Amino acid sequence: MSHLNVEIKAYCQDQDKVRSILKERNADFKGLDHQIDTYFKVNAGRMKLREGNIENFLISYDREDKEGPKESKVNLFKFDPKSNLKDMLVKSLGVLMVVDKQREIYFIDNVKFHIDEVKDLGKFMEIEAIDMDGSLGKEKLLKQCQEYMKLFDIQESDLISKSYSDLLNK
């Protein structure tokens, strides 16, 4: 399954404020997911295997490393956590980095919100405006992302241009 995201990642010291705003907006809380993301050595873009109690995907994506809303072309493959997919990927590609996080997952319409506690990094939030079928377009996704950034009072200094794996790899 391939789709388009416009997304941001930001440091977030006041996660209770974010939860409160999401609750006020009647966000659909999907749950708390302990996720282990194993990033693999690949020639282009990024590839990770996400293992959680809610989400289990092989994810490949291309995304600019810039602060603020950025376009991301995402391919998802849902896998059975009991399969040997991870062993195959580790043996054939090699592991670049492992990210361990606790993630709260919320949705408002097509916009997904993450409140993350990342081991050895700290507290973050993400906003992902998602176009699953090409009906919304990049401009609408960008507008949604910017509106939520304003709502959550995300400052430019809070924005992060890199993935958690890049931050851990420093």
C-alpha atoms as a PDB file:
ATOM      1  CA  MET A   1       0.000   0.000   0.000  1.00  0.00           C
ATOM      2  CA  SER A   2       1.538   3.299  -1.136  1.00  0.00           C
ATOM      3  CA  HIS A   3       0.450   6.767  -0.049  1.00  0.00           C
ATOM      4  CA  LEU A   4       1.505  10.405   0.411  1.00  0.00           C
ATOM      5  CA  ASN A   5       2.127  12.085   3.788  1.00  0.00           C
ATOM      6  CA  VAL A   6       2.943  15.626   4.766  1.00  0.00           C
ATOM      7  CA  GLU A   7       4.418  15.439   8.235  1.00  0.00           C
ATOM      8  CA  ILE A   8       6.343  17.137  10.996  1.00  0.00           C
ATOM      9  CA  LYS A   9       8.295  15.882  13.984  1.00  0.00           C
ATOM     10  CA  ALA A  10       8.920  18.157  16.967  1.00  0.00           C
ATOM     11  CA  TYR A  11      10.333  18.127  20.471  1.00  0.00           C
ATOM     12  CA  CYS A  12       7.406  18.207  22.904  1.00  0.00           C
ATOM     13  CA  GLN A  13       7.937  18.841  26.608  1.00  0.00           C
ATOM     14  CA  ASP A  14       4.230  19.433  27.352  1.00  0.00           C
ATOM     15  CA  GLN A  15       2.633  16.233  26.109  1.00  0.00           C
ATOM     16  CA  ASP A  16      -0.321  16.719  28.501  1.00  0.00           C
ATOM     17  CA  LYS A  17      -1.239  19.898  26.589  1.00  0.00           C
ATOM     18  CA  VAL A  18      -1.234  17.938  23.312  1.00  0.00           C
ATOM     19  CA  ARG A  19      -3.414  15.197  24.860  1.00  0.00           C
ATOM     20  CA  SER A  20      -5.838  17.811  26.168  1.00  0.00           C
ATOM     21  CA  ILE A  21      -6.191  19.487  22.758  1.00  0.00           C
ATOM     22  CA  LEU A  22      -6.688  16.121  21.048  1.00  0.00           C
ATOM     23  CA  LYS A  23      -9.357  15.197  23.614  1.00  0.00           C
ATOM     24  CA  GLU A  24     -11.126  18.568  23.070  1.00  0.00           C
ATOM     25  CA  ARG A  25     -11.158  17.805  19.333  1.00  0.00           C
ATOM     26  CA  ASN A  26     -12.626  14.313  19.932  1.00  0.00           C
ATOM     27  CA  ALA A  27      -9.592  12.599  18.455  1.00  0.00           C
ATOM     28  CA  ASP A  28      -9.890   8.837  18.049  1.00  0.00           C
ATOM     29  CA  PHE A  29      -7.343   7.320  20.464  1.00  0.00           C
ATOM     30  CA  LYS A  30      -6.040   4.060  18.988  1.00  0.00           C
ATOM     31  CA  GLY A  31      -3.923   3.170  22.009  1.00  0.00           C
ATOM     32  CA  LEU A  32      -0.423   3.064  23.414  1.00  0.00           C
ATOM     33  CA  ASP A  33       1.974   1.078  21.253  1.00  0.00           C
ATOM     34  CA  HIS A  34       5.419  -0.049  22.404  1.00  0.00           C
ATOM     35  CA  GLN A  35       7.225   0.032  19.070  1.00  0.00           C
ATOM     36  CA  ILE A  36      10.609  -1.306  18.091  1.00  0.00           C
ATOM     37  CA  ASP A  37      11.687   0.159  14.744  1.00  0.00           C
ATOM     38  CA  THR A  38      14.613  -1.666  13.151  1.00  0.00           C
ATOM     39  CA  TYR A  39      16.186   0.464  10.402  1.00  0.00           C
ATOM     40  CA  PHE A  40      18.025  -1.367   7.647  1.00  0.00           C
ATOM     41  CA  LYS A  41      20.959  -0.414   5.462  1.00  0.00           C
ATOM     42  CA  VAL A  42      19.450   0.487   2.088  1.00  0.00           C
ATOM     43  CA  ASN A  43      20.704   2.281  -1.024  1.00  0.00           C
ATOM     44  CA  ALA A  44      17.906   4.854  -1.251  1.00  0.00           C
ATOM     45  CA  GLY A  45      15.439   6.337   1.207  1.00  0.00           C
ATOM     46  CA  ARG A  46      14.786   4.569   4.484  1.00  0.00           C
ATOM     47  CA  MET A  47      13.444   1.159   5.376  1.00  0.00           C
ATOM     48  CA  LYS A  48      12.327   0.013   8.808  1.00  0.00           C
ATOM     49  CA  LEU A  49      10.468  -2.868  10.334  1.00  0.00           C
ATOM     50  CA  ARG A  50       7.987  -1.625  12.950  1.00  0.00           C
ATOM     51  CA  GLU A  51       7.093  -4.180  15.596  1.00  0.00           C
ATOM     52  CA  GLY A  52       4.360  -3.190  18.033  1.00  0.00           C
ATOM     53  CA  ASN A  53       1.219  -4.378  19.709  1.00  0.00           C
ATOM     54  CA  ILE A  54      -0.901  -2.135  17.414  1.00  0.00           C
ATOM     55  CA  GLU A  55       1.214  -1.563  14.300  1.00  0.00           C
ATOM     56  CA  ASN A  56       3.350  -4.167  12.508  1.00  0.00           C
ATOM     57  CA  PHE A  57       4.639  -2.889   9.177  1.00  0.00           C
ATOM     58  CA  LEU A  58       7.605  -3.014   6.890  1.00  0.00           C
ATOM     59  CA  ILE A  59       7.902   0.643   5.901  1.00  0.00           C
ATOM     60  CA  SER A  60       9.959   2.150   3.130  1.00  0.00           C
ATOM     61  CA  TYR A  61       9.891   5.874   2.552  1.00  0.00           C
ATOM     62  CA  ASP A  62      11.570   8.825   0.910  1.00  0.00           C
ATOM     63  CA  ARG A  63      11.457  12.079   2.856  1.00  0.00           C
ATOM     64  CA  GLU A  64      13.413  15.295   2.756  1.00  0.00           C
ATOM     65  CA  ASP A  65      15.555  16.083   5.792  1.00  0.00           C
ATOM     66  CA  LYS A  66      14.196  19.560   6.464  1.00  0.00           C
ATOM     67  CA  GLU A  67      12.446  21.214   9.365  1.00  0.00           C
ATOM     68  CA  GLY A  68       8.767  21.989   9.042  1.00  0.00           C
ATOM     69  CA  PRO A  69       6.162  20.156   6.994  1.00  0.00           C
ATOM     70  CA  LYS A  70       7.750  17.786   4.514  1.00  0.00           C
ATOM     71  CA  GLU A  71       6.446  15.441   1.884  1.00  0.00           C
ATOM     72  CA  SER A  72       7.003  11.758   2.421  1.00  0.00           C
ATOM     73  CA  LYS A  73       6.262   8.988  -0.062  1.00  0.00           C
ATOM     74  CA  VAL A  74       5.450   5.920   2.013  1.00  0.00           C
ATOM     75  CA  ASN A  75       5.057   2.224   1.205  1.00  0.00           C
ATOM     76  CA  LEU A  76       3.570  -0.007   3.902  1.00  0.00           C
ATOM     77  CA  PHE A  77       3.513  -3.773   4.047  1.00  0.00           C
ATOM     78  CA  LYS A  78       1.566  -5.277   6.955  1.00  0.00           C
ATOM     79  CA  PHE A  79       3.297  -8.401   8.179  1.00  0.00           C
ATOM     80  CA  ASP A  80       2.601 -11.186  10.623  1.00  0.00           C
ATOM     81  CA  PRO A  81       4.842 -10.629  13.669  1.00  0.00           C
ATOM     82  CA  LYS A  82       5.278 -14.411  13.921  1.00  0.00           C
ATOM     83  CA  SER A  83       6.877 -14.574  10.461  1.00  0.00           C
ATOM     84  CA  ASN A  84      10.606 -14.755   9.806  1.00  0.00           C
ATOM     85  CA  LEU A  85      10.616 -11.452   7.857  1.00  0.00           C
ATOM     86  CA  LYS A  86      12.870  -9.688  10.372  1.00  0.00           C
ATOM     87  CA  ASP A  87      15.488 -12.447  10.266  1.00  0.00           C
ATOM     88  CA  MET A  88      15.511 -12.334   6.471  1.00  0.00           C
ATOM     89  CA  LEU A  89      15.938  -8.544   6.386  1.00  0.00           C
ATOM     90  CA  VAL A  90      18.656  -8.530   9.053  1.00  0.00           C
ATOM     91  CA  LYS A  91      20.641 -11.211   7.196  1.00  0.00           C
ATOM     92  CA  SER A  92      20.268  -9.678   3.744  1.00  0.00           C
ATOM     93  CA  LEU A  93      20.468  -5.927   4.467  1.00  0.00           C
ATOM     94  CA  GLY A  94      22.087  -5.488   7.877  1.00  0.00           C
ATOM     95  CA  VAL A  95      20.834  -3.292  10.718  1.00  0.00           C
ATOM     96  CA  LEU A  96      21.527   0.428  10.693  1.00  0.00           C
ATOM     97  CA  MET A  97      19.806   1.358  13.973  1.00  0.00           C
ATOM     98  CA  VAL A  98      17.094   0.249  16.396  1.00  0.00           C
ATOM     99  CA  VAL A  99      14.651   2.772  17.886  1.00  0.00           C
ATOM    100  CA  ASP A 100      12.643   1.839  20.976  1.00  0.00           C
ATOM    101  CA  LYS A 101       9.646   4.038  21.766  1.00  0.00           C
ATOM    102  CA  GLN A 102       6.322   4.269  23.528  1.00  0.00           C
ATOM    103  CA  ARG A 103       3.821   5.830  21.124  1.00  0.00           C
ATOM    104  CA  GLU A 104       0.308   7.098  21.700  1.00  0.00           C
ATOM    105  CA  ILE A 105      -1.651   7.039  18.431  1.00  0.00           C
ATOM    106  CA  TYR A 106      -4.571   9.379  17.672  1.00  0.00           C
ATOM    107  CA  PHE A 107      -6.564  10.239  14.536  1.00  0.00           C
ATOM    108  CA  ILE A 108      -8.729  13.153  13.490  1.00  0.00           C
ATOM    109  CA  ASP A 109     -10.103  12.299  10.047  1.00  0.00           C
ATOM    110  CA  ASN A 110      -7.048  11.675   7.805  1.00  0.00           C
ATOM    111  CA  VAL A 111      -4.554  13.227  10.225  1.00  0.00           C
ATOM    112  CA  LYS A 112      -2.551  10.964  12.523  1.00  0.00           C
ATOM    113  CA  PHE A 113      -0.924  12.220  15.709  1.00  0.00           C
ATOM    114  CA  HIS A 114       1.853  10.534  17.659  1.00  0.00           C
ATOM    115  CA  ILE A 115       2.922  11.388  21.178  1.00  0.00           C
ATOM    116  CA  ASP A 116       6.273   9.656  21.582  1.00  0.00           C
ATOM    117  CA  GLU A 117       8.674   8.842  24.388  1.00  0.00           C
ATOM    118  CA  VAL A 118      11.833   7.646  22.633  1.00  0.00           C
ATOM    119  CA  LYS A 119      14.415   5.720  24.631  1.00  0.00           C
ATOM    120  CA  ASP A 120      17.658   7.710  24.968  1.00  0.00           C
ATOM    121  CA  LEU A 121      16.157  10.735  23.129  1.00  0.00           C
ATOM    122  CA  GLY A 122      13.180  12.179  25.014  1.00  0.00           C
ATOM    123  CA  LYS A 123       9.660  13.428  24.303  1.00  0.00           C
ATOM    124  CA  PHE A 124       8.308  14.233  20.864  1.00  0.00           C
ATOM    125  CA  MET A 125       5.162  14.597  18.823  1.00  0.00           C
ATOM    126  CA  GLU A 126       4.423  13.995  15.168  1.00  0.00           C
ATOM    127  CA  ILE A 127       1.664  15.168  12.869  1.00  0.00           C
ATOM    128  CA  GLU A 128       1.030  13.172   9.684  1.00  0.00           C
ATOM    129  CA  ALA A 129      -1.565  14.383   7.198  1.00  0.00           C
ATOM    130  CA  ILE A 130      -2.218  11.287   5.068  1.00  0.00           C
ATOM    131  CA  ASP A 131      -3.598  10.901   1.543  1.00  0.00           C
ATOM    132  CA  MET A 132      -4.251   7.181   1.106  1.00  0.00           C
ATOM    133  CA  ASP A 133      -5.881   7.321  -2.326  1.00  0.00           C
ATOM    134  CA  GLY A 134      -4.647  10.505  -4.029  1.00  0.00           C
ATOM    135  CA  SER A 135      -7.926  12.369  -3.458  1.00  0.00           C
ATOM    136  CA  LEU A 136      -6.582  15.100  -1.136  1.00  0.00           C
ATOM    137  CA  GLY A 137      -3.308  16.215  -2.703  1.00  0.00           C
ATOM    138  CA  LYS A 138      -0.136  17.700  -1.294  1.00  0.00           C
ATOM    139  CA  GLU A 139      -1.491  21.249  -0.841  1.00  0.00           C
ATOM    140  CA  LYS A 140      -4.441  20.123   1.323  1.00  0.00           C
ATOM    141  CA  LEU A 141      -2.127  17.930   3.419  1.00  0.00           C
ATOM    142  CA  LEU A 142       0.299  20.818   3.877  1.00  0.00           C
ATOM    143  CA  LYS A 143      -2.526  23.117   4.983  1.00  0.00           C
ATOM    144  CA  GLN A 144      -3.774  20.535   7.505  1.00  0.00           C
ATOM    145  CA  CYS A 145      -0.295  20.049   8.918  1.00  0.00           C
ATOM    146  CA  GLN A 146       0.239  23.812   9.274  1.00  0.00           C
ATOM    147  CA  GLU A 147      -3.157  24.283  10.968  1.00  0.00           C
ATOM    148  CA  TYR A 148      -2.344  21.648  13.589  1.00  0.00           C
ATOM    149  CA  MET A 149       1.130  23.070  14.137  1.00  0.00           C
ATOM    150  CA  LYS A 150      -0.513  26.389  14.947  1.00  0.00           C
ATOM    151  CA  LEU A 151      -3.121  24.726  17.187  1.00  0.00           C
ATOM    152  CA  PHE A 152      -0.421  22.928  19.202  1.00  0.00           C
ATOM    153  CA  ASP A 153       1.746  26.087  19.245  1.00  0.00           C
ATOM    154  CA  ILE A 154       4.722  24.255  17.751  1.00  0.00           C
ATOM    155  CA  GLN A 155       7.622  26.665  17.442  1.00  0.00           C
ATOM    156  CA  GLU A 156      10.200  26.580  14.676  1.00  0.00           C
ATOM    157  CA  SER A 157      12.878  25.829  17.276  1.00  0.00           C
ATOM    158  CA  ASP A 158      10.981  22.651  18.258  1.00  0.00           C
ATOM    159  CA  LEU A 159      10.964  21.188  14.739  1.00  0.00           C
ATOM    160  CA  ILE A 160      13.234  18.289  13.833  1.00  0.00           C
ATOM    161  CA  SER A 161      14.467  17.583  10.328  1.00  0.00           C
ATOM    162  CA  LYS A 162      15.725  14.051  10.872  1.00  0.00           C
ATOM    163  CA  SER A 163      14.331  10.657  11.855  1.00  0.00           C
ATOM    164  CA  TYR A 164      14.746   9.232  15.350  1.00  0.00           C
ATOM    165  CA  SER A 165      17.310   6.830  13.919  1.00  0.00           C
ATOM    166  CA  ASP A 166      19.398   9.763  12.635  1.00  0.00           C
ATOM    167  CA  LEU A 167      19.206  11.503  16.012  1.00  0.00           C
ATOM    168  CA  LEU A 168      20.319   8.348  17.822  1.00  0.00           C
ATOM    169  CA  ASN A 169      23.088   7.748  15.283  1.00  0.00           C
ATOM    170  CA  LYS A 170      24.820  11.080  16.068  1.00  0.00           C
END
